């Protein structure tokens, strides 16, 4: 594990993440993390809204399925705006 964390590629990646630099790899990581969080939030929201009516498992599955449909375009738009603002 020590060799992985001290390798130059991982060190550069972590430096870019901490500094807030947006490149292809950091953008994809932020997209994956935000999508996972939106799926968790959608599942919780689906369970709260429709858990008693259609069952907690089914409502969590539907919430996790449809939450990224609204979140991913907003995430991509936000990353694009941040990339454009970074140039000024």
C-alpha atoms as a PDB file:
ATOM      1  CA  UNK A   1       0.000   0.000   0.000  1.00  0.00           C
ATOM      2  CA  UNK A   2       2.874   2.319   0.751  1.00  0.00           C
ATOM      3  CA  UNK A   3       4.265   1.834  -2.759  1.00  0.00           C
ATOM      4  CA  UNK A   4       0.916   2.728  -4.329  1.00  0.00           C
ATOM      5  CA  UNK A   5       0.562   5.962  -2.375  1.00  0.00           C
ATOM      6  CA  UNK A   6       4.132   7.054  -3.049  1.00  0.00           C
ATOM      7  CA  UNK A   7       4.099   6.411  -6.801  1.00  0.00           C
ATOM      8  CA  UNK A   8       4.427   9.575  -8.927  1.00  0.00           C
ATOM      9  CA  UNK A   9       1.161   8.987 -10.821  1.00  0.00           C
ATOM     10  CA  UNK A  10      -0.929   8.665  -7.658  1.00  0.00           C
ATOM     11  CA  UNK A  11       0.906  11.568  -6.056  1.00  0.00           C
ATOM     12  CA  UNK A  12       0.176  13.808  -9.050  1.00  0.00           C
ATOM     13  CA  UNK A  13      -3.459  12.700  -9.091  1.00  0.00           C
ATOM     14  CA  UNK A  14      -3.954  13.449  -5.395  1.00  0.00           C
ATOM     15  CA  UNK A  15      -2.215  16.803  -5.805  1.00  0.00           C
ATOM     16  CA  UNK A  16      -4.584  17.701  -8.657  1.00  0.00           C
ATOM     17  CA  UNK A  17      -7.603  16.666  -6.591  1.00  0.00           C
ATOM     18  CA  UNK A  18      -6.550  18.708  -3.568  1.00  0.00           C
ATOM     19  CA  UNK A  19      -5.574  21.750  -5.629  1.00  0.00           C
ATOM     20  CA  UNK A  20      -8.883  21.707  -7.482  1.00  0.00           C
ATOM     21  CA  UNK A  21      -7.381  21.310 -10.941  1.00  0.00           C
ATOM     22  CA  UNK A  22      -9.893  19.951 -13.418  1.00  0.00           C
ATOM     23  CA  UNK A  23      -8.619  17.585 -16.046  1.00  0.00           C
ATOM     24  CA  UNK A  24     -10.134  14.505 -17.652  1.00  0.00           C
ATOM     25  CA  UNK A  25      -9.282  12.097 -14.838  1.00  0.00           C
ATOM     26  CA  UNK A  26     -10.369  14.343 -11.967  1.00  0.00           C
ATOM     27  CA  UNK A  27     -13.546  15.279 -13.831  1.00  0.00           C
ATOM     28  CA  UNK A  28     -14.440  11.624 -14.328  1.00  0.00           C
ATOM     29  CA  UNK A  29     -13.767  10.884 -10.668  1.00  0.00           C
ATOM     30  CA  UNK A  30     -15.995  13.763  -9.574  1.00  0.00           C
ATOM     31  CA  UNK A  31     -18.685  12.526 -11.978  1.00  0.00           C
ATOM     32  CA  UNK A  32     -18.557   9.006 -10.542  1.00  0.00           C
ATOM     33  CA  UNK A  33     -18.603  10.239  -6.933  1.00  0.00           C
ATOM     34  CA  UNK A  34     -21.506  12.614  -7.554  1.00  0.00           C
ATOM     35  CA  UNK A  35     -23.472   9.935  -9.399  1.00  0.00           C
ATOM     36  CA  UNK A  36     -22.994   7.485  -6.535  1.00  0.00           C
ATOM     37  CA  UNK A  37     -24.121  10.090  -4.005  1.00  0.00           C
ATOM     38  CA  UNK A  38     -27.173  10.960  -6.111  1.00  0.00           C
ATOM     39  CA  UNK A  39     -28.084   7.268  -6.290  1.00  0.00           C
ATOM     40  CA  UNK A  40     -27.884   6.982  -2.516  1.00  0.00           C
ATOM     41  CA  UNK A  41     -29.955  10.140  -2.086  1.00  0.00           C
ATOM     42  CA  UNK A  42     -32.508   8.953  -4.648  1.00  0.00           C
ATOM     43  CA  UNK A  43     -32.865   5.624  -2.889  1.00  0.00           C
ATOM     44  CA  UNK A  44     -33.433   7.319   0.455  1.00  0.00           C
ATOM     45  CA  UNK A  45     -35.884   9.775  -1.090  1.00  0.00           C
ATOM     46  CA  UNK A  46     -37.781   6.995  -2.831  1.00  0.00           C
ATOM     47  CA  UNK A  47     -38.075   5.075   0.404  1.00  0.00           C
ATOM     48  CA  UNK A  48     -39.383   8.128   2.235  1.00  0.00           C
ATOM     49  CA  UNK A  49     -41.864   9.110  -0.468  1.00  0.00           C
ATOM     50  CA  UNK A  50     -43.277   5.789  -1.624  1.00  0.00           C
ATOM     51  CA  UNK A  51     -41.985   3.163   0.776  1.00  0.00           C
ATOM     52  CA  UNK A  52     -45.323   2.295   2.334  1.00  0.00           C
ATOM     53  CA  UNK A  53     -47.208   2.312  -0.967  1.00  0.00           C
ATOM     54  CA  UNK A  54     -45.060   0.145  -3.248  1.00  0.00           C
ATOM     55  CA  UNK A  55     -42.593  -1.386  -0.824  1.00  0.00           C
ATOM     56  CA  UNK A  56     -39.317  -0.082   0.484  1.00  0.00           C
ATOM     57  CA  UNK A  57     -37.043  -2.173  -1.725  1.00  0.00           C
ATOM     58  CA  UNK A  58     -38.862  -1.321  -4.960  1.00  0.00           C
ATOM     59  CA  UNK A  59     -39.095   2.379  -4.129  1.00  0.00           C
ATOM     60  CA  UNK A  60     -35.380   2.471  -3.255  1.00  0.00           C
ATOM     61  CA  UNK A  61     -34.536   0.789  -6.557  1.00  0.00           C
ATOM     62  CA  UNK A  62     -36.640   3.249  -8.543  1.00  0.00           C
ATOM     63  CA  UNK A  63     -35.219   6.220  -6.651  1.00  0.00           C
ATOM     64  CA  UNK A  64     -31.652   5.077  -7.265  1.00  0.00           C
ATOM     65  CA  UNK A  65     -32.459   4.505 -10.938  1.00  0.00           C
ATOM     66  CA  UNK A  66     -34.052   7.871 -11.653  1.00  0.00           C
ATOM     67  CA  UNK A  67     -31.949  10.161  -9.438  1.00  0.00           C
ATOM     68  CA  UNK A  68     -28.887  10.192 -11.732  1.00  0.00           C
ATOM     69  CA  UNK A  69     -31.132  11.082 -14.687  1.00  0.00           C
ATOM     70  CA  UNK A  70     -31.451  14.569 -13.255  1.00  0.00           C
ATOM     71  CA  UNK A  71     -28.118  14.789 -11.479  1.00  0.00           C
ATOM     72  CA  UNK A  72     -25.675  13.745 -14.212  1.00  0.00           C
ATOM     73  CA  UNK A  73     -26.586  16.548 -16.675  1.00  0.00           C
ATOM     74  CA  UNK A  74     -26.332  19.103 -13.888  1.00  0.00           C
ATOM     75  CA  UNK A  75     -22.951  17.694 -12.826  1.00  0.00           C
ATOM     76  CA  UNK A  76     -21.610  17.806 -16.383  1.00  0.00           C
ATOM     77  CA  UNK A  77     -22.877  21.366 -16.842  1.00  0.00           C
ATOM     78  CA  UNK A  78     -21.262  22.421 -13.575  1.00  0.00           C
ATOM     79  CA  UNK A  79     -17.928  20.835 -14.496  1.00  0.00           C
ATOM     80  CA  UNK A  80     -18.045  22.526 -17.908  1.00  0.00           C
ATOM     81  CA  UNK A  81     -18.728  25.917 -16.331  1.00  0.00           C
ATOM     82  CA  UNK A  82     -15.913  25.409 -13.820  1.00  0.00           C
ATOM     83  CA  UNK A  83     -13.553  24.489 -16.654  1.00  0.00           C
ATOM     84  CA  UNK A  84     -14.502  27.620 -18.591  1.00  0.00           C
ATOM     85  CA  UNK A  85     -14.164  29.839 -15.516  1.00  0.00           C
ATOM     86  CA  UNK A  86     -10.791  28.337 -14.714  1.00  0.00           C
ATOM     87  CA  UNK A  87      -9.416  29.783 -17.967  1.00  0.00           C
ATOM     88  CA  UNK A  88     -10.240  33.387 -16.938  1.00  0.00           C
END
